[in-house]
Amino acid sequence: MFFSLRYFILLFTLAIAFVSCATSIRVYRPYPRENPYEVVLPQPKVSITAPAQYPERFASYDPFLFRFTELSFLEIEYNLQNEYGSLPYLIRKELSIRPDNFPNLLKEGGKIEIKEFVLDSTDRCWTNLVSVKMNVNVQIGRRPQETFFYQDQIESHVTDCFLSGSSIPILPLILYIPYAGFRGNREDQLNQLGRNAIESFFTFLENRSGYIQNSEKQIPIQMNPSKSNDPIRDPKIKEIMEGL
């Protein structure tokens, strides 16, 4: 009975480890009323460049306990690709499906040079650090070049050590699962930071491209003025004005 329990705990821990190693990157720009299918058209006036490694690697993570680089049959990837495409593709898509948001850039042309984009998750026994850094040079027409820089990080205790330890006794499992649900797992944190970075970049690009977001015009409520207070309708003020 004791050995069977140990065998069950071991299998359960390994199953959790394998599941935690499968990380899916889904970074995109959430936008209201977006069509489910869009055709990405080329923009010949806009040049988008990036280092050679970025189209192949969108994010990466460094696990602490469960690293199986030599077991290729497990198909565990540590250099992760984005299911919605590379960063240059996301920029081209944004320019294609929302051209009204970038009037000056598409009219005058320009250059977008991705200098650095790092989205990493570094797992240690007690802490896990998820960080993002984005550095892009933007030039619109003949205007001076501007630099967009974004950096953020999330430090939490959602680690492989806590995940494995919480699967053995009951009390840590009760405490760890609500905390992981509040902070999000490694996949949630990577996707959230990635979306925040590209959303900030597109907002920066829209502002530099002369985009003015249409806001609902508020019609002021006018009170019905009384005749005695109306300088046009008040006969006394009218006589004074005519006398001048």
C-alpha atoms as a PDB file:
ATOM      1  CA  MET A   1       0.000   0.000   0.000  1.00  0.00           C
ATOM      2  CA  PHE A   2       2.799   2.390   0.882  1.00  0.00           C
ATOM      3  CA  PHE A   3       4.723   1.681  -2.323  1.00  0.00           C
ATOM      4  CA  SER A   4       1.618   2.064  -4.440  1.00  0.00           C
ATOM      5  CA  LEU A   5       0.953   5.460  -2.847  1.00  0.00           C
ATOM      6  CA  ARG A   6       4.515   6.565  -3.535  1.00  0.00           C
ATOM      7  CA  TYR A   7       4.189   5.333  -7.108  1.00  0.00           C
ATOM      8  CA  PHE A   8       0.970   7.295  -7.555  1.00  0.00           C
ATOM      9  CA  ILE A   9       2.497  10.474  -6.135  1.00  0.00           C
ATOM     10  CA  LEU A  10       5.516  10.106  -8.414  1.00  0.00           C
ATOM     11  CA  LEU A  11       3.369   9.674 -11.508  1.00  0.00           C
ATOM     12  CA  PHE A  12       1.160  12.583 -10.479  1.00  0.00           C
ATOM     13  CA  THR A  13       4.158  14.863  -9.981  1.00  0.00           C
ATOM     14  CA  LEU A  14       5.678  13.893 -13.321  1.00  0.00           C
ATOM     15  CA  ALA A  15       2.353  14.470 -15.062  1.00  0.00           C
ATOM     16  CA  ILE A  16       2.120  17.964 -13.594  1.00  0.00           C
ATOM     17  CA  ALA A  17       5.714  18.602 -14.646  1.00  0.00           C
ATOM     18  CA  PHE A  18       5.062  17.603 -18.233  1.00  0.00           C
ATOM     19  CA  VAL A  19       1.921  19.699 -18.380  1.00  0.00           C
ATOM     20  CA  SER A  20       3.685  22.727 -16.915  1.00  0.00           C
ATOM     21  CA  CYS A  21       6.419  22.423 -19.527  1.00  0.00           C
ATOM     22  CA  ALA A  22       3.957  22.906 -22.380  1.00  0.00           C
ATOM     23  CA  THR A  23       3.740  26.686 -22.706  1.00  0.00           C
ATOM     24  CA  SER A  24       1.680  28.281 -25.483  1.00  0.00           C
ATOM     25  CA  ILE A  25       2.373  31.885 -26.472  1.00  0.00           C
ATOM     26  CA  ARG A  26      -0.687  33.783 -27.666  1.00  0.00           C
ATOM     27  CA  VAL A  27       0.353  37.415 -27.937  1.00  0.00           C
ATOM     28  CA  TYR A  28      -1.800  39.715 -30.042  1.00  0.00           C
ATOM     29  CA  ARG A  29      -3.471  43.109 -29.834  1.00  0.00           C
ATOM     30  CA  PRO A  30      -6.985  42.858 -28.413  1.00  0.00           C
ATOM     31  CA  TYR A  31      -9.149  45.241 -30.398  1.00  0.00           C
ATOM     32  CA  PRO A  32     -12.915  45.785 -30.261  1.00  0.00           C
ATOM     33  CA  ARG A  33     -15.067  44.749 -33.226  1.00  0.00           C
ATOM     34  CA  GLU A  34     -12.254  42.952 -35.012  1.00  0.00           C
ATOM     35  CA  ASN A  35     -13.147  40.607 -37.859  1.00  0.00           C
ATOM     36  CA  PRO A  36     -12.229  36.946 -37.293  1.00  0.00           C
ATOM     37  CA  TYR A  37     -10.305  36.746 -40.592  1.00  0.00           C
ATOM     38  CA  GLU A  38      -8.188  39.505 -42.074  1.00  0.00           C
ATOM     39  CA  VAL A  39      -6.025  39.698 -45.196  1.00  0.00           C
ATOM     40  CA  VAL A  40      -2.628  41.221 -44.448  1.00  0.00           C
ATOM     41  CA  LEU A  41      -1.746  43.526 -47.333  1.00  0.00           C
ATOM     42  CA  PRO A  42       1.841  44.641 -48.037  1.00  0.00           C
ATOM     43  CA  GLN A  43       2.842  48.197 -47.221  1.00  0.00           C
ATOM     44  CA  PRO A  44       5.597  49.110 -49.699  1.00  0.00           C
ATOM     45  CA  LYS A  45       6.274  52.513 -48.131  1.00  0.00           C
ATOM     46  CA  VAL A  46       6.946  51.062 -44.666  1.00  0.00           C
ATOM     47  CA  SER A  47      10.084  49.070 -43.899  1.00  0.00           C
ATOM     48  CA  ILE A  48       9.990  46.711 -40.900  1.00  0.00           C
ATOM     49  CA  THR A  49      13.252  45.085 -39.839  1.00  0.00           C
ATOM     50  CA  ALA A  50      14.187  42.840 -36.944  1.00  0.00           C
ATOM     51  CA  PRO A  51      17.182  40.735 -35.873  1.00  0.00           C
ATOM     52  CA  ALA A  52      17.314  37.314 -37.479  1.00  0.00           C
ATOM     53  CA  GLN A  53      16.515  35.377 -34.304  1.00  0.00           C
ATOM     54  CA  TYR A  54      13.241  37.157 -33.514  1.00  0.00           C
ATOM     55  CA  PRO A  55      11.109  35.591 -36.274  1.00  0.00           C
ATOM     56  CA  GLU A  56      12.175  32.176 -34.974  1.00  0.00           C
ATOM     57  CA  ARG A  57      11.906  32.918 -31.238  1.00  0.00           C
ATOM     58  CA  PHE A  58       9.198  35.043 -29.722  1.00  0.00           C
ATOM     59  CA  ALA A  59       9.681  34.065 -26.057  1.00  0.00           C
ATOM     60  CA  SER A  60      11.769  31.717 -23.951  1.00  0.00           C
ATOM     61  CA  TYR A  61      11.727  30.186 -20.518  1.00  0.00           C
ATOM     62  CA  ASP A  62      14.334  28.628 -18.305  1.00  0.00           C
ATOM     63  CA  PRO A  63      12.897  25.968 -15.943  1.00  0.00           C
ATOM     64  CA  PHE A  64      14.580  25.082 -12.675  1.00  0.00           C
ATOM     65  CA  LEU A  65      13.658  21.436 -12.126  1.00  0.00           C
ATOM     66  CA  PHE A  66      12.242  19.980 -15.301  1.00  0.00           C
ATOM     67  CA  ARG A  67      14.590  20.529 -18.236  1.00  0.00           C
ATOM     68  CA  PHE A  68      14.616  17.767 -20.825  1.00  0.00           C
ATOM     69  CA  THR A  69      16.715  19.168 -23.653  1.00  0.00           C
ATOM     70  CA  GLU A  70      18.148  15.748 -24.482  1.00  0.00           C
ATOM     71  CA  LEU A  71      14.738  14.049 -24.678  1.00  0.00           C
ATOM     72  CA  SER A  72      13.646  15.259 -28.088  1.00  0.00           C
ATOM     73  CA  PHE A  73      10.722  12.839 -28.277  1.00  0.00           C
ATOM     74  CA  LEU A  74       8.935  14.858 -25.586  1.00  0.00           C
ATOM     75  CA  GLU A  75       8.805  17.802 -28.038  1.00  0.00           C
ATOM     76  CA  ILE A  76       9.292  20.360 -25.247  1.00  0.00           C
ATOM     77  CA  GLU A  77      10.338  23.741 -26.600  1.00  0.00           C
ATOM     78  CA  TYR A  78      12.249  26.313 -24.601  1.00  0.00           C
ATOM     79  CA  ASN A  79      12.448  28.872 -27.401  1.00  0.00           C
ATOM     80  CA  LEU A  80       8.775  29.573 -27.940  1.00  0.00           C
ATOM     81  CA  GLN A  81       7.002  30.863 -31.027  1.00  0.00           C
ATOM     82  CA  ASN A  82       3.898  32.999 -30.978  1.00  0.00           C
ATOM     83  CA  GLU A  83       0.780  31.291 -32.307  1.00  0.00           C
ATOM     84  CA  TYR A  84      -0.340  34.641 -33.783  1.00  0.00           C
ATOM     85  CA  GLY A  85       2.907  35.221 -35.657  1.00  0.00           C
ATOM     86  CA  SER A  86       6.219  36.972 -35.185  1.00  0.00           C
ATOM     87  CA  LEU A  87       6.540  40.565 -34.033  1.00  0.00           C
ATOM     88  CA  PRO A  88       7.199  41.960 -37.565  1.00  0.00           C
ATOM     89  CA  TYR A  89       4.115  40.089 -38.779  1.00  0.00           C
ATOM     90  CA  LEU A  90       1.975  41.541 -35.970  1.00  0.00           C
ATOM     91  CA  ILE A  91       3.117  45.043 -36.975  1.00  0.00           C
ATOM     92  CA  ARG A  92       2.381  44.424 -40.653  1.00  0.00           C
ATOM     93  CA  LYS A  93      -1.028  43.043 -39.743  1.00  0.00           C
ATOM     94  CA  GLU A  94      -1.847  46.079 -37.620  1.00  0.00           C
ATOM     95  CA  LEU A  95      -0.907  48.466 -40.424  1.00  0.00           C
ATOM     96  CA  SER A  96      -2.930  46.452 -42.909  1.00  0.00           C
ATOM     97  CA  ILE A  97      -6.215  45.949 -41.078  1.00  0.00           C
ATOM     98  CA  ARG A  98      -6.293  49.383 -39.387  1.00  0.00           C
ATOM     99  CA  PRO A  99      -4.739  51.841 -41.856  1.00  0.00           C
ATOM    100  CA  ASP A 100      -6.843  54.726 -40.547  1.00  0.00           C
ATOM    101  CA  ASN A 101      -4.928  54.521 -37.262  1.00  0.00           C
ATOM    102  CA  PHE A 102      -1.600  55.313 -38.973  1.00  0.00           C
ATOM    103  CA  PRO A 103      -2.336  58.057 -41.543  1.00  0.00           C
ATOM    104  CA  ASN A 104       1.043  59.812 -41.607  1.00  0.00           C
ATOM    105  CA  LEU A 105       3.078  56.616 -41.574  1.00  0.00           C
ATOM    106  CA  LEU A 106       1.261  55.036 -44.512  1.00  0.00           C
ATOM    107  CA  LYS A 107       1.103  58.291 -46.490  1.00  0.00           C
ATOM    108  CA  GLU A 108       4.677  59.494 -46.003  1.00  0.00           C
ATOM    109  CA  GLY A 109       6.299  56.103 -45.499  1.00  0.00           C
ATOM    110  CA  GLY A 110       8.764  55.248 -42.807  1.00  0.00           C
ATOM    111  CA  LYS A 111      10.940  52.712 -41.110  1.00  0.00           C
ATOM    112  CA  ILE A 112      10.309  50.526 -38.062  1.00  0.00           C
ATOM    113  CA  GLU A 113      13.468  48.916 -36.736  1.00  0.00           C
ATOM    114  CA  ILE A 114      13.052  46.396 -33.933  1.00  0.00           C
ATOM    115  CA  LYS A 115      16.276  46.657 -31.956  1.00  0.00           C
ATOM    116  CA  GLU A 116      15.335  44.392 -29.059  1.00  0.00           C
ATOM    117  CA  PHE A 117      12.404  42.280 -27.997  1.00  0.00           C
ATOM    118  CA  VAL A 118      12.939  39.936 -25.058  1.00  0.00           C
ATOM    119  CA  LEU A 119      10.111  38.011 -23.407  1.00  0.00           C
ATOM    120  CA  ASP A 120      11.549  35.579 -20.862  1.00  0.00           C
ATOM    121  CA  SER A 121      10.522  33.459 -17.918  1.00  0.00           C
ATOM    122  CA  THR A 122      13.298  32.481 -15.513  1.00  0.00           C
ATOM    123  CA  ASP A 123      12.249  29.871 -12.969  1.00  0.00           C
ATOM    124  CA  ARG A 124      14.110  29.345  -9.710  1.00  0.00           C
ATOM    125  CA  CYS A 125      13.170  27.227  -6.748  1.00  0.00           C
ATOM    126  CA  TRP A 126      11.575  29.994  -4.683  1.00  0.00           C
ATOM    127  CA  THR A 127      10.761  32.685  -7.233  1.00  0.00           C
ATOM    128  CA  ASN A 128       9.838  32.967 -10.874  1.00  0.00           C
ATOM    129  CA  LEU A 129      10.626  36.100 -12.868  1.00  0.00           C
ATOM    130  CA  VAL A 130       8.780  36.903 -16.081  1.00  0.00           C
ATOM    131  CA  SER A 131      10.081  39.982 -17.868  1.00  0.00           C
ATOM    132  CA  VAL A 132       9.636  41.806 -21.152  1.00  0.00           C
ATOM    133  CA  LYS A 133      11.821  44.418 -22.824  1.00  0.00           C
ATOM    134  CA  MET A 134      11.017  46.111 -26.123  1.00  0.00           C
ATOM    135  CA  ASN A 135      13.172  48.638 -27.950  1.00  0.00           C
ATOM    136  CA  VAL A 136      12.075  49.940 -31.364  1.00  0.00           C
ATOM    137  CA  ASN A 137      13.288  52.836 -33.525  1.00  0.00           C
ATOM    138  CA  VAL A 138      10.550  54.551 -35.545  1.00  0.00           C
ATOM    139  CA  GLN A 139      10.987  57.082 -38.308  1.00  0.00           C
ATOM    140  CA  ILE A 140       8.008  58.564 -40.178  1.00  0.00           C
ATOM    141  CA  GLY A 141       8.757  60.317 -43.454  1.00  0.00           C
ATOM    142  CA  ARG A 142      11.634  62.758 -43.100  1.00  0.00           C
ATOM    143  CA  ARG A 143      10.950  63.430 -39.452  1.00  0.00           C
ATOM    144  CA  PRO A 144      13.565  62.716 -36.798  1.00  0.00           C
ATOM    145  CA  GLN A 145      13.835  59.167 -35.588  1.00  0.00           C
ATOM    146  CA  GLU A 146      12.146  58.370 -32.265  1.00  0.00           C
ATOM    147  CA  THR A 147      12.750  55.481 -29.890  1.00  0.00           C
ATOM    148  CA  PHE A 148      10.089  53.433 -28.164  1.00  0.00           C
ATOM    149  CA  PHE A 149      11.223  51.624 -25.020  1.00  0.00           C
ATOM    150  CA  TYR A 150       9.091  49.421 -22.787  1.00  0.00           C
ATOM    151  CA  GLN A 151      10.095  47.257 -19.845  1.00  0.00           C
ATOM    152  CA  ASP A 152       8.072  45.379 -17.238  1.00  0.00           C
ATOM    153  CA  GLN A 153       8.290  42.280 -15.077  1.00  0.00           C
ATOM    154  CA  ILE A 154       6.278  40.024 -12.784  1.00  0.00           C
ATOM    155  CA  GLU A 155       7.926  38.269  -9.856  1.00  0.00           C
ATOM    156  CA  SER A 156       5.936  35.531  -8.180  1.00  0.00           C
ATOM    157  CA  HIS A 157       6.221  32.203  -6.369  1.00  0.00           C
ATOM    158  CA  VAL A 158       4.613  30.196  -9.175  1.00  0.00           C
ATOM    159  CA  THR A 159       7.598  27.844  -9.584  1.00  0.00           C
ATOM    160  CA  ASP A 160       8.202  24.205 -10.401  1.00  0.00           C
ATOM    161  CA  CYS A 161       9.443  23.586  -6.846  1.00  0.00           C
ATOM    162  CA  PHE A 162       6.217  24.859  -5.274  1.00  0.00           C
ATOM    163  CA  LEU A 163       4.170  23.028  -7.878  1.00  0.00           C
ATOM    164  CA  SER A 164       5.892  19.721  -7.155  1.00  0.00           C
ATOM    165  CA  GLY A 165       5.856  20.200  -3.391  1.00  0.00           C
ATOM    166  CA  SER A 166       2.176  21.093  -3.323  1.00  0.00           C
ATOM    167  CA  SER A 167       1.228  17.832  -5.008  1.00  0.00           C
ATOM    168  CA  ILE A 168       2.451  15.663  -2.114  1.00  0.00           C
ATOM    169  CA  PRO A 169       0.674  16.935   1.045  1.00  0.00           C
ATOM    170  CA  ILE A 170      -2.847  18.312   1.073  1.00  0.00           C
ATOM    171  CA  LEU A 171      -2.329  21.607   2.923  1.00  0.00           C
ATOM    172  CA  PRO A 172       0.208  23.149   0.497  1.00  0.00           C
ATOM    173  CA  LEU A 173      -2.022  22.109  -2.374  1.00  0.00           C
ATOM    174  CA  ILE A 174      -4.912  24.020  -0.837  1.00  0.00           C
ATOM    175  CA  LEU A 175      -2.753  27.117  -0.346  1.00  0.00           C
ATOM    176  CA  TYR A 176      -0.834  27.008  -3.628  1.00  0.00           C
ATOM    177  CA  ILE A 177      -3.673  26.498  -6.095  1.00  0.00           C
ATOM    178  CA  PRO A 178      -5.575  29.703  -5.092  1.00  0.00           C
ATOM    179  CA  TYR A 179      -2.317  31.677  -5.233  1.00  0.00           C
ATOM    180  CA  ALA A 180      -1.474  30.315  -8.686  1.00  0.00           C
ATOM    181  CA  GLY A 181      -4.992  31.131  -9.818  1.00  0.00           C
ATOM    182  CA  PHE A 182      -4.555  34.704  -8.608  1.00  0.00           C
ATOM    183  CA  ARG A 183      -1.073  35.293 -10.045  1.00  0.00           C
ATOM    184  CA  GLY A 184      -1.494  33.135 -13.138  1.00  0.00           C
ATOM    185  CA  ASN A 185       0.882  30.443 -14.311  1.00  0.00           C
ATOM    186  CA  ARG A 186       3.976  30.971 -16.415  1.00  0.00           C
ATOM    187  CA  GLU A 187       1.963  30.934 -19.637  1.00  0.00           C
ATOM    188  CA  ASP A 188      -0.519  33.546 -18.391  1.00  0.00           C
ATOM    189  CA  GLN A 189       2.242  35.887 -17.248  1.00  0.00           C
ATOM    190  CA  LEU A 190       4.177  35.627 -20.505  1.00  0.00           C
ATOM    191  CA  ASN A 191       1.106  36.315 -22.602  1.00  0.00           C
ATOM    192  CA  GLN A 192      -0.018  39.220 -20.434  1.00  0.00           C
ATOM    193  CA  LEU A 193       3.330  41.005 -20.505  1.00  0.00           C
ATOM    194  CA  GLY A 194       3.669  40.413 -24.235  1.00  0.00           C
ATOM    195  CA  ARG A 195       0.244  41.893 -24.934  1.00  0.00           C
ATOM    196  CA  ASN A 196       0.935  44.896 -22.729  1.00  0.00           C
ATOM    197  CA  ALA A 197       4.179  45.583 -24.597  1.00  0.00           C
ATOM    198  CA  ILE A 198       2.724  45.503 -28.107  1.00  0.00           C
ATOM    199  CA  GLU A 199      -0.353  47.468 -27.020  1.00  0.00           C
ATOM    200  CA  SER A 200       1.902  50.227 -25.677  1.00  0.00           C
ATOM    201  CA  PHE A 201       3.929  50.184 -28.892  1.00  0.00           C
ATOM    202  CA  PHE A 202       0.894  50.456 -31.166  1.00  0.00           C
ATOM    203  CA  THR A 203      -0.473  53.301 -29.060  1.00  0.00           C
ATOM    204  CA  PHE A 204       2.905  55.057 -29.391  1.00  0.00           C
ATOM    205  CA  LEU A 205       2.887  54.459 -33.155  1.00  0.00           C
ATOM    206  CA  GLU A 206      -0.673  55.765 -33.500  1.00  0.00           C
ATOM    207  CA  ASN A 207       0.189  58.982 -31.660  1.00  0.00           C
ATOM    208  CA  ARG A 208       3.283  59.576 -33.788  1.00  0.00           C
ATOM    209  CA  SER A 209       1.276  58.838 -36.941  1.00  0.00           C
ATOM    210  CA  GLY A 210      -1.225  61.610 -36.282  1.00  0.00           C
ATOM    211  CA  TYR A 211      -4.118  59.384 -35.295  1.00  0.00           C
ATOM    212  CA  ILE A 212      -6.858  61.179 -33.384  1.00  0.00           C
ATOM    213  CA  GLN A 213      -9.283  58.814 -31.766  1.00  0.00           C
ATOM    214  CA  ASN A 214     -12.874  59.766 -32.370  1.00  0.00           C
ATOM    215  CA  SER A 215     -14.680  60.422 -29.127  1.00  0.00           C
ATOM    216  CA  GLU A 216     -18.358  60.799 -28.640  1.00  0.00           C
ATOM    217  CA  LYS A 217     -19.306  64.437 -28.733  1.00  0.00           C
ATOM    218  CA  GLN A 218     -21.086  65.446 -25.624  1.00  0.00           C
ATOM    219  CA  ILE A 219     -23.977  67.766 -26.292  1.00  0.00           C
ATOM    220  CA  PRO A 220     -24.321  70.214 -23.408  1.00  0.00           C
ATOM    221  CA  ILE A 221     -27.721  70.467 -21.849  1.00  0.00           C
ATOM    222  CA  GLN A 222     -28.997  74.020 -22.206  1.00  0.00           C
ATOM    223  CA  MET A 223     -31.398  75.380 -19.706  1.00  0.00           C
ATOM    224  CA  ASN A 224     -34.341  77.389 -20.965  1.00  0.00           C
ATOM    225  CA  PRO A 225     -33.398  80.989 -20.142  1.00  0.00           C
ATOM    226  CA  SER A 226     -36.023  83.226 -18.708  1.00  0.00           C
ATOM    227  CA  LYS A 227     -37.058  86.287 -20.690  1.00  0.00           C
ATOM    228  CA  SER A 228     -36.116  88.719 -17.933  1.00  0.00           C
ATOM    229  CA  ASN A 229     -32.490  87.483 -17.934  1.00  0.00           C
ATOM    230  CA  ASP A 230     -32.093  87.403 -21.705  1.00  0.00           C
ATOM    231  CA  PRO A 231     -30.242  90.598 -22.802  1.00  0.00           C
ATOM    232  CA  ILE A 232     -31.783  90.340 -26.266  1.00  0.00           C
ATOM    233  CA  ARG A 233     -35.358  89.934 -25.097  1.00  0.00           C
ATOM    234  CA  ASP A 234     -35.235  92.159 -22.038  1.00  0.00           C
ATOM    235  CA  PRO A 235     -36.830  95.501 -23.197  1.00  0.00           C
ATOM    236  CA  LYS A 236     -34.946  97.631 -20.610  1.00  0.00           C
ATOM    237  CA  ILE A 237     -31.509  96.409 -21.707  1.00  0.00           C
ATOM    238  CA  LYS A 238     -32.586  96.716 -25.333  1.00  0.00           C
ATOM    239  CA  GLU A 239     -33.449 100.388 -24.852  1.00  0.00           C
ATOM    240  CA  ILE A 240     -30.104 101.036 -23.168  1.00  0.00           C
ATOM    241  CA  MET A 241     -28.206  99.349 -25.941  1.00  0.00           C
ATOM    242  CA  GLU A 242     -30.081 101.263 -28.630  1.00  0.00           C
ATOM    243  CA  GLY A 243     -29.403 104.539 -26.764  1.00  0.00           C
ATOM    244  CA  LEU A 244     -25.667 103.887 -26.931  1.00  0.00           C
END
